[in-house]
């Protein structure tokens, strides 16, 4: 009775099992200013390190290295960059970050000057 109910069918693949089709997947560096732009490398793994999505790759000599995923063809292109089509070199987030940095540097400079004025 128990033997007849046991099935030797296929089980779903483990989520930790690598996909055999991805075993030798190639990833291209797409960042236009990176020295490796246009070259492709063997894909090893996609991970999030310290809040940043990164791809780990292996070069022709077998050396392991990593790059931000957005610098490769692994990540989908930034919608802003696609729509801008090269007409705008800056993103809104990038400009806001620069403005914030300028504000912080000015505040540090002003506080340093205030301390100097108090000192004899």
C-alpha atoms as a PDB file:
ATOM      1  CA  UNK A   1       0.000   0.000   0.000  1.00  0.00           C
ATOM      2  CA  UNK A   2       2.730   2.480   0.917  1.00  0.00           C
ATOM      3  CA  UNK A   3       4.968   1.422  -1.955  1.00  0.00           C
ATOM      4  CA  UNK A   4       2.259   2.132  -4.507  1.00  0.00           C
ATOM      5  CA  UNK A   5       1.664   5.639  -3.144  1.00  0.00           C
ATOM      6  CA  UNK A   6       5.353   6.566  -3.318  1.00  0.00           C
ATOM      7  CA  UNK A   7       6.217   8.288  -6.556  1.00  0.00           C
ATOM      8  CA  UNK A   8       9.610   8.567  -8.070  1.00  0.00           C
ATOM      9  CA  UNK A   9       8.644  11.649 -10.097  1.00  0.00           C
ATOM     10  CA  UNK A  10      10.618  14.791 -10.610  1.00  0.00           C
ATOM     11  CA  UNK A  11      11.154  17.110  -7.680  1.00  0.00           C
ATOM     12  CA  UNK A  12      11.471  20.858  -8.124  1.00  0.00           C
ATOM     13  CA  UNK A  13      15.046  22.055  -8.393  1.00  0.00           C
ATOM     14  CA  UNK A  14      16.601  23.525  -5.277  1.00  0.00           C
ATOM     15  CA  UNK A  15      16.678  27.316  -5.236  1.00  0.00           C
ATOM     16  CA  UNK A  16      20.369  27.133  -4.374  1.00  0.00           C
ATOM     17  CA  UNK A  17      21.165  24.923  -7.354  1.00  0.00           C
ATOM     18  CA  UNK A  18      22.892  26.904 -10.074  1.00  0.00           C
ATOM     19  CA  UNK A  19      21.111  27.063 -13.401  1.00  0.00           C
ATOM     20  CA  UNK A  20      23.139  24.942 -15.844  1.00  0.00           C
ATOM     21  CA  UNK A  21      22.402  27.466 -18.606  1.00  0.00           C
ATOM     22  CA  UNK A  22      24.063  30.246 -16.546  1.00  0.00           C
ATOM     23  CA  UNK A  23      27.192  28.231 -15.793  1.00  0.00           C
ATOM     24  CA  UNK A  24      29.319  30.055 -18.331  1.00  0.00           C
ATOM     25  CA  UNK A  25      27.275  33.198 -18.755  1.00  0.00           C
ATOM     26  CA  UNK A  26      29.194  36.196 -20.012  1.00  0.00           C
ATOM     27  CA  UNK A  27      28.677  39.720 -18.662  1.00  0.00           C
ATOM     28  CA  UNK A  28      29.702  42.844 -20.556  1.00  0.00           C
ATOM     29  CA  UNK A  29      31.038  46.005 -18.908  1.00  0.00           C
ATOM     30  CA  UNK A  30      28.815  48.824 -20.204  1.00  0.00           C
ATOM     31  CA  UNK A  31      29.998  51.852 -18.195  1.00  0.00           C
ATOM     32  CA  UNK A  32      31.286  54.203 -20.908  1.00  0.00           C
ATOM     33  CA  UNK A  33      34.227  55.545 -18.874  1.00  0.00           C
ATOM     34  CA  UNK A  34      35.427  52.282 -17.321  1.00  0.00           C
ATOM     35  CA  UNK A  35      38.730  51.004 -18.759  1.00  0.00           C
ATOM     36  CA  UNK A  36      37.119  47.579 -19.311  1.00  0.00           C
ATOM     37  CA  UNK A  37      34.103  49.010 -21.209  1.00  0.00           C
ATOM     38  CA  UNK A  38      32.988  46.727 -24.015  1.00  0.00           C
ATOM     39  CA  UNK A  39      34.815  43.657 -22.681  1.00  0.00           C
ATOM     40  CA  UNK A  40      32.965  40.616 -21.396  1.00  0.00           C
ATOM     41  CA  UNK A  41      33.814  38.331 -18.499  1.00  0.00           C
ATOM     42  CA  UNK A  42      32.589  35.088 -16.959  1.00  0.00           C
ATOM     43  CA  UNK A  43      29.716  35.714 -14.538  1.00  0.00           C
ATOM     44  CA  UNK A  44      30.191  34.216 -11.056  1.00  0.00           C
ATOM     45  CA  UNK A  45      27.523  35.669  -8.758  1.00  0.00           C
ATOM     46  CA  UNK A  46      25.228  38.659  -8.196  1.00  0.00           C
ATOM     47  CA  UNK A  47      25.252  39.985  -4.612  1.00  0.00           C
ATOM     48  CA  UNK A  48      24.340  42.998  -2.572  1.00  0.00           C
ATOM     49  CA  UNK A  49      27.361  44.254  -0.623  1.00  0.00           C
ATOM     50  CA  UNK A  50      26.956  47.172   1.757  1.00  0.00           C
ATOM     51  CA  UNK A  51      23.710  48.235   0.097  1.00  0.00           C
ATOM     52  CA  UNK A  52      25.082  48.120  -3.448  1.00  0.00           C
ATOM     53  CA  UNK A  53      24.212  45.512  -6.074  1.00  0.00           C
ATOM     54  CA  UNK A  54      27.434  44.044  -7.431  1.00  0.00           C
ATOM     55  CA  UNK A  55      28.398  41.349  -9.902  1.00  0.00           C
ATOM     56  CA  UNK A  56      31.390  39.155  -9.270  1.00  0.00           C
ATOM     57  CA  UNK A  57      33.243  38.187 -12.425  1.00  0.00           C
ATOM     58  CA  UNK A  58      36.254  36.152 -13.459  1.00  0.00           C
ATOM     59  CA  UNK A  59      38.789  37.456 -15.968  1.00  0.00           C
ATOM     60  CA  UNK A  60      40.777  35.468 -18.559  1.00  0.00           C
ATOM     61  CA  UNK A  61      43.416  34.594 -15.937  1.00  0.00           C
ATOM     62  CA  UNK A  62      40.805  33.273 -13.505  1.00  0.00           C
ATOM     63  CA  UNK A  63      41.104  36.294 -11.185  1.00  0.00           C
ATOM     64  CA  UNK A  64      37.888  37.164  -9.349  1.00  0.00           C
ATOM     65  CA  UNK A  65      36.777  40.814  -9.247  1.00  0.00           C
ATOM     66  CA  UNK A  66      33.548  42.720  -8.776  1.00  0.00           C
ATOM     67  CA  UNK A  67      31.845  45.758 -10.273  1.00  0.00           C
ATOM     68  CA  UNK A  68      28.641  47.623  -9.518  1.00  0.00           C
ATOM     69  CA  UNK A  69      25.861  45.767 -11.353  1.00  0.00           C
ATOM     70  CA  UNK A  70      24.746  49.006 -12.999  1.00  0.00           C
ATOM     71  CA  UNK A  71      28.107  49.192 -14.794  1.00  0.00           C
ATOM     72  CA  UNK A  72      27.310  45.929 -16.638  1.00  0.00           C
ATOM     73  CA  UNK A  73      24.591  44.513 -18.853  1.00  0.00           C
ATOM     74  CA  UNK A  74      23.269  42.497 -15.879  1.00  0.00           C
ATOM     75  CA  UNK A  75      21.236  45.442 -14.567  1.00  0.00           C
ATOM     76  CA  UNK A  76      18.430  47.030 -16.532  1.00  0.00           C
ATOM     77  CA  UNK A  77      19.387  50.417 -17.939  1.00  0.00           C
ATOM     78  CA  UNK A  78      18.468  53.449 -15.830  1.00  0.00           C
ATOM     79  CA  UNK A  79      15.141  54.749 -17.241  1.00  0.00           C
ATOM     80  CA  UNK A  80      16.355  58.354 -16.989  1.00  0.00           C
ATOM     81  CA  UNK A  81      19.442  57.574 -19.045  1.00  0.00           C
ATOM     82  CA  UNK A  82      17.336  55.796 -21.679  1.00  0.00           C
ATOM     83  CA  UNK A  83      14.827  58.651 -21.992  1.00  0.00           C
ATOM     84  CA  UNK A  84      17.547  61.343 -21.965  1.00  0.00           C
ATOM     85  CA  UNK A  85      19.284  59.500 -24.818  1.00  0.00           C
ATOM     86  CA  UNK A  86      22.588  61.260 -24.140  1.00  0.00           C
ATOM     87  CA  UNK A  87      21.095  64.757 -24.004  1.00  0.00           C
ATOM     88  CA  UNK A  88      21.604  65.155 -20.241  1.00  0.00           C
ATOM     89  CA  UNK A  89      24.845  64.101 -18.568  1.00  0.00           C
ATOM     90  CA  UNK A  90      23.411  64.522 -15.036  1.00  0.00           C
ATOM     91  CA  UNK A  91      20.548  62.844 -13.176  1.00  0.00           C
ATOM     92  CA  UNK A  92      18.314  64.628 -10.690  1.00  0.00           C
ATOM     93  CA  UNK A  93      19.600  62.397  -7.876  1.00  0.00           C
ATOM     94  CA  UNK A  94      23.198  63.170  -8.849  1.00  0.00           C
ATOM     95  CA  UNK A  95      22.601  66.929  -8.881  1.00  0.00           C
ATOM     96  CA  UNK A  96      20.809  66.795  -5.517  1.00  0.00           C
ATOM     97  CA  UNK A  97      23.736  64.833  -4.048  1.00  0.00           C
ATOM     98  CA  UNK A  98      26.206  67.463  -5.305  1.00  0.00           C
ATOM     99  CA  UNK A  99      24.058  70.288  -3.863  1.00  0.00           C
ATOM    100  CA  UNK A 100      23.945  68.478  -0.506  1.00  0.00           C
ATOM    101  CA  UNK A 101      27.720  68.021  -0.540  1.00  0.00           C
ATOM    102  CA  UNK A 102      28.247  71.726  -1.269  1.00  0.00           C
ATOM    103  CA  UNK A 103      25.933  72.667   1.617  1.00  0.00           C
ATOM    104  CA  UNK A 104      27.822  70.402   4.018  1.00  0.00           C
ATOM    105  CA  UNK A 105      31.215  71.736   2.918  1.00  0.00           C
ATOM    106  CA  UNK A 106      30.032  75.330   3.318  1.00  0.00           C
ATOM    107  CA  UNK A 107      28.671  74.561   6.784  1.00  0.00           C
ATOM    108  CA  UNK A 108      31.999  72.997   7.805  1.00  0.00           C
ATOM    109  CA  UNK A 109      33.915  75.980   6.421  1.00  0.00           C
ATOM    110  CA  UNK A 110      31.617  78.485   8.150  1.00  0.00           C
ATOM    111  CA  UNK A 111      31.862  76.694  11.488  1.00  0.00           C
ATOM    112  CA  UNK A 112      35.668  76.559  11.202  1.00  0.00           C
ATOM    113  CA  UNK A 113      35.799  80.303  10.454  1.00  0.00           C
ATOM    114  CA  UNK A 114      33.522  81.059  13.410  1.00  0.00           C
ATOM    115  CA  UNK A 115      35.880  79.234  15.735  1.00  0.00           C
ATOM    116  CA  UNK A 116      38.849  81.167  14.344  1.00  0.00           C
ATOM    117  CA  UNK A 117      37.081  84.485  14.938  1.00  0.00           C
ATOM    118  CA  UNK A 118      36.529  83.646  18.609  1.00  0.00           C
ATOM    119  CA  UNK A 119      40.138  82.712  19.184  1.00  0.00           C
ATOM    120  CA  UNK A 120      42.581  85.585  20.021  1.00  0.00           C
END
